[in-house]
Amino acid sequence: MADVHNEKTRSYNMSQIKGQNTKPEIKVRKFLFSKGLRFRLHDKKLSGKPDIVLPKYKSIIFVHGCFWHGHEGCKYFVVPQTRTDFWINKINTNIINDKKNSEILKQERWKVFTIWECELKKDEILDELLKRIKNA
């Protein structure tokens, strides 16, 4: 199946996708802030530049986009039918880096939490995350 956009349009669309301050990330941050938690963002000193760092709880939250981080079994993760090898390689590299960064952070005694973009469709997921952070 061919792409619905020409190559120039597709390239432009993909270039406009942000890596930081995404809608899912902002949703998690607003929730945490409303519950009185304070955090740092994208700390370059930590492996993988975590999206959200909660120093008080020695916790880190990665907010992953289902497509970009290869959320297995998710309806939002569909491998493109154009340039398939490129995308599979890119997504697999992201998955490998995610695992490596999580392991490094765990070795440094951080608690690492991952929230998937699709999970944010359910409102109760953030309440569960908050409980896990406070109880970990």
C-alpha atoms as a PDB file:
ATOM      1  CA  MET A   1       0.000   0.000   0.000  1.00  0.00           C
ATOM      2  CA  ALA A   2       1.378   3.382  -0.979  1.00  0.00           C
ATOM      3  CA  ASP A   3       1.649   6.307   1.406  1.00  0.00           C
ATOM      4  CA  VAL A   4      -1.280   8.733   1.272  1.00  0.00           C
ATOM      5  CA  HIS A   5       1.188  11.652   1.151  1.00  0.00           C
ATOM      6  CA  ASN A   6       3.944  12.411  -1.285  1.00  0.00           C
ATOM      7  CA  GLU A   7       7.516  12.141  -0.019  1.00  0.00           C
ATOM      8  CA  LYS A   8       7.926  15.886   0.635  1.00  0.00           C
ATOM      9  CA  THR A   9       4.668  16.151   2.624  1.00  0.00           C
ATOM     10  CA  ARG A  10       5.455  13.018   4.655  1.00  0.00           C
ATOM     11  CA  SER A  11       8.943  14.305   5.426  1.00  0.00           C
ATOM     12  CA  TYR A  12       7.543  17.632   6.598  1.00  0.00           C
ATOM     13  CA  ASN A  13       4.884  15.948   8.766  1.00  0.00           C
ATOM     14  CA  MET A  14       7.449  13.712  10.461  1.00  0.00           C
ATOM     15  CA  SER A  15       9.823  16.640  11.052  1.00  0.00           C
ATOM     16  CA  GLN A  16       7.117  18.469  12.996  1.00  0.00           C
ATOM     17  CA  ILE A  17       6.744  15.737  15.627  1.00  0.00           C
ATOM     18  CA  LYS A  18       8.277  16.880  18.901  1.00  0.00           C
ATOM     19  CA  GLY A  19      10.499  14.841  21.174  1.00  0.00           C
ATOM     20  CA  GLN A  20       9.813  16.871  24.309  1.00  0.00           C
ATOM     21  CA  ASN A  21       6.780  18.595  25.790  1.00  0.00           C
ATOM     22  CA  THR A  22       4.363  16.342  23.938  1.00  0.00           C
ATOM     23  CA  LYS A  23       0.645  16.315  24.779  1.00  0.00           C
ATOM     24  CA  PRO A  24       0.885  13.005  26.694  1.00  0.00           C
ATOM     25  CA  GLU A  25       3.887  14.320  28.651  1.00  0.00           C
ATOM     26  CA  ILE A  26       2.100  17.568  29.518  1.00  0.00           C
ATOM     27  CA  LYS A  27      -0.968  15.617  30.663  1.00  0.00           C
ATOM     28  CA  VAL A  28       1.165  13.616  33.130  1.00  0.00           C
ATOM     29  CA  ARG A  29       2.964  16.748  34.339  1.00  0.00           C
ATOM     30  CA  LYS A  30      -0.282  18.665  34.933  1.00  0.00           C
ATOM     31  CA  PHE A  31      -1.670  15.740  36.902  1.00  0.00           C
ATOM     32  CA  LEU A  32       1.432  15.383  39.079  1.00  0.00           C
ATOM     33  CA  PHE A  33       1.605  19.136  39.702  1.00  0.00           C
ATOM     34  CA  SER A  34      -2.093  19.224  40.670  1.00  0.00           C
ATOM     35  CA  LYS A  35      -1.355  16.568  43.297  1.00  0.00           C
ATOM     36  CA  GLY A  36       1.412  18.686  44.809  1.00  0.00           C
ATOM     37  CA  LEU A  37       4.389  16.835  43.329  1.00  0.00           C
ATOM     38  CA  ARG A  38       7.285  18.890  42.076  1.00  0.00           C
ATOM     39  CA  PHE A  39       9.664  17.623  39.454  1.00  0.00           C
ATOM     40  CA  ARG A  40      12.451  18.399  37.014  1.00  0.00           C
ATOM     41  CA  LEU A  41      12.198  17.926  33.264  1.00  0.00           C
ATOM     42  CA  HIS A  42      14.555  16.269  30.798  1.00  0.00           C
ATOM     43  CA  ASP A  43      17.548  16.131  33.157  1.00  0.00           C
ATOM     44  CA  LYS A  44      20.580  15.849  30.888  1.00  0.00           C
ATOM     45  CA  LYS A  45      22.701  14.485  33.747  1.00  0.00           C
ATOM     46  CA  LEU A  46      20.604  11.309  33.883  1.00  0.00           C
ATOM     47  CA  SER A  47      20.761   8.496  31.364  1.00  0.00           C
ATOM     48  CA  GLY A  48      18.157   8.894  28.615  1.00  0.00           C
ATOM     49  CA  LYS A  49      17.187  12.446  29.665  1.00  0.00           C
ATOM     50  CA  PRO A  50      14.038  11.276  31.480  1.00  0.00           C
ATOM     51  CA  ASP A  51      10.832  13.154  30.728  1.00  0.00           C
ATOM     52  CA  ILE A  52       9.999  13.682  34.419  1.00  0.00           C
ATOM     53  CA  VAL A  53      12.306  13.411  37.444  1.00  0.00           C
ATOM     54  CA  LEU A  54      10.846  13.351  40.963  1.00  0.00           C
ATOM     55  CA  PRO A  55      13.910  13.797  43.221  1.00  0.00           C
ATOM     56  CA  LYS A  56      11.908  13.575  46.467  1.00  0.00           C
ATOM     57  CA  TYR A  57      10.758  10.055  45.547  1.00  0.00           C
ATOM     58  CA  LYS A  58      13.965   9.126  43.661  1.00  0.00           C
ATOM     59  CA  SER A  59      11.633   8.303  40.768  1.00  0.00           C
ATOM     60  CA  ILE A  60      11.748   8.808  37.048  1.00  0.00           C
ATOM     61  CA  ILE A  61       8.897   8.743  34.555  1.00  0.00           C
ATOM     62  CA  PHE A  62       9.307   8.122  30.859  1.00  0.00           C
ATOM     63  CA  VAL A  63       6.249   9.023  28.774  1.00  0.00           C
ATOM     64  CA  HIS A  64       6.556   6.915  25.633  1.00  0.00           C
ATOM     65  CA  GLY A  65       4.748   7.382  22.350  1.00  0.00           C
ATOM     66  CA  CYS A  66       3.417   4.006  21.230  1.00  0.00           C
ATOM     67  CA  PHE A  67       4.747   4.373  17.681  1.00  0.00           C
ATOM     68  CA  TRP A  68       8.195   5.779  18.453  1.00  0.00           C
ATOM     69  CA  HIS A  69       8.983   3.290  21.213  1.00  0.00           C
ATOM     70  CA  GLY A  70       7.388   0.203  19.630  1.00  0.00           C
ATOM     71  CA  HIS A  71       4.589  -0.550  22.101  1.00  0.00           C
ATOM     72  CA  GLU A  72       4.055  -4.220  21.348  1.00  0.00           C
ATOM     73  CA  GLY A  73       0.437  -5.295  20.956  1.00  0.00           C
ATOM     74  CA  CYS A  74      -0.823  -1.698  20.878  1.00  0.00           C
ATOM     75  CA  LYS A  75      -3.260  -0.615  18.174  1.00  0.00           C
ATOM     76  CA  TYR A  76      -1.353   2.678  17.849  1.00  0.00           C
ATOM     77  CA  PHE A  77       1.891   0.929  16.931  1.00  0.00           C
ATOM     78  CA  VAL A  78       1.729   0.130  13.234  1.00  0.00           C
ATOM     79  CA  VAL A  79       4.879  -0.308  11.166  1.00  0.00           C
ATOM     80  CA  PRO A  80       4.701   2.007   8.133  1.00  0.00           C
ATOM     81  CA  GLN A  81       4.447   0.318   4.776  1.00  0.00           C
ATOM     82  CA  THR A  82       6.891   2.727   3.164  1.00  0.00           C
ATOM     83  CA  ARG A  83      10.580   2.717   4.121  1.00  0.00           C
ATOM     84  CA  THR A  84       9.755  -0.214   6.399  1.00  0.00           C
ATOM     85  CA  ASP A  85      13.384  -1.225   7.024  1.00  0.00           C
ATOM     86  CA  PHE A  86      14.284   2.323   8.072  1.00  0.00           C
ATOM     87  CA  TRP A  87      11.382   2.535  10.541  1.00  0.00           C
ATOM     88  CA  ILE A  88      11.912  -0.924  12.011  1.00  0.00           C
ATOM     89  CA  ASN A  89      15.582  -0.103  12.559  1.00  0.00           C
ATOM     90  CA  LYS A  90      14.759   3.275  14.134  1.00  0.00           C
ATOM     91  CA  ILE A  91      12.093   1.880  16.458  1.00  0.00           C
ATOM     92  CA  ASN A  92      14.253  -1.107  17.472  1.00  0.00           C
ATOM     93  CA  THR A  93      17.104   1.282  18.290  1.00  0.00           C
ATOM     94  CA  ASN A  94      14.720   3.277  20.501  1.00  0.00           C
ATOM     95  CA  ILE A  95      13.629   0.078  22.278  1.00  0.00           C
ATOM     96  CA  ILE A  96      17.246  -0.956  22.911  1.00  0.00           C
ATOM     97  CA  ASN A  97      18.140   2.522  24.195  1.00  0.00           C
ATOM     98  CA  ASP A  98      15.052   2.571  26.452  1.00  0.00           C
ATOM     99  CA  LYS A  99      16.082  -0.733  28.080  1.00  0.00           C
ATOM    100  CA  LYS A 100      19.701   0.355  28.452  1.00  0.00           C
ATOM    101  CA  ASN A 101      18.768   3.701  30.013  1.00  0.00           C
ATOM    102  CA  SER A 102      16.290   2.085  32.421  1.00  0.00           C
ATOM    103  CA  GLU A 103      18.913  -0.416  33.576  1.00  0.00           C
ATOM    104  CA  ILE A 104      21.491   2.312  34.157  1.00  0.00           C
ATOM    105  CA  LEU A 105      18.995   4.367  36.163  1.00  0.00           C
ATOM    106  CA  LYS A 106      17.950   1.338  38.232  1.00  0.00           C
ATOM    107  CA  GLN A 107      21.615   0.623  38.995  1.00  0.00           C
ATOM    108  CA  GLU A 108      21.828   4.218  40.240  1.00  0.00           C
ATOM    109  CA  ARG A 109      18.919   3.374  42.583  1.00  0.00           C
ATOM    110  CA  TRP A 110      16.225   5.301  40.699  1.00  0.00           C
ATOM    111  CA  LYS A 111      12.701   3.888  40.471  1.00  0.00           C
ATOM    112  CA  VAL A 112      11.786   3.915  36.790  1.00  0.00           C
ATOM    113  CA  PHE A 113       8.191   4.151  35.578  1.00  0.00           C
ATOM    114  CA  THR A 114       7.039   4.055  31.970  1.00  0.00           C
ATOM    115  CA  ILE A 115       3.687   5.439  30.870  1.00  0.00           C
ATOM    116  CA  TRP A 116       2.542   4.636  27.353  1.00  0.00           C
ATOM    117  CA  GLU A 117       0.625   7.173  25.305  1.00  0.00           C
ATOM    118  CA  CYS A 118      -2.306   4.748  24.883  1.00  0.00           C
ATOM    119  CA  GLU A 119      -2.554   4.224  28.667  1.00  0.00           C
ATOM    120  CA  LEU A 120      -3.326   7.911  29.110  1.00  0.00           C
ATOM    121  CA  LYS A 121      -6.666   7.353  27.398  1.00  0.00           C
ATOM    122  CA  LYS A 122      -7.806   5.847  30.741  1.00  0.00           C
ATOM    123  CA  ASP A 123      -8.076   8.515  33.439  1.00  0.00           C
ATOM    124  CA  GLU A 124      -7.404   6.153  36.342  1.00  0.00           C
ATOM    125  CA  ILE A 125      -3.901   5.300  35.061  1.00  0.00           C
ATOM    126  CA  LEU A 126      -2.494   8.499  36.558  1.00  0.00           C
ATOM    127  CA  ASP A 127      -3.973   7.782  39.987  1.00  0.00           C
ATOM    128  CA  GLU A 128      -2.381   4.321  39.836  1.00  0.00           C
ATOM    129  CA  LEU A 129       0.960   5.848  38.828  1.00  0.00           C
ATOM    130  CA  LEU A 130       0.831   8.258  41.759  1.00  0.00           C
ATOM    131  CA  LYS A 131       0.173   5.405  44.204  1.00  0.00           C
ATOM    132  CA  ARG A 132       3.059   3.381  42.753  1.00  0.00           C
ATOM    133  CA  ILE A 133       5.446   6.333  43.048  1.00  0.00           C
ATOM    134  CA  LYS A 134       4.512   7.078  46.639  1.00  0.00           C
ATOM    135  CA  ASN A 135       4.579   3.408  47.707  1.00  0.00           C
ATOM    136  CA  ALA A 136       7.777   2.386  45.906  1.00  0.00           C
END
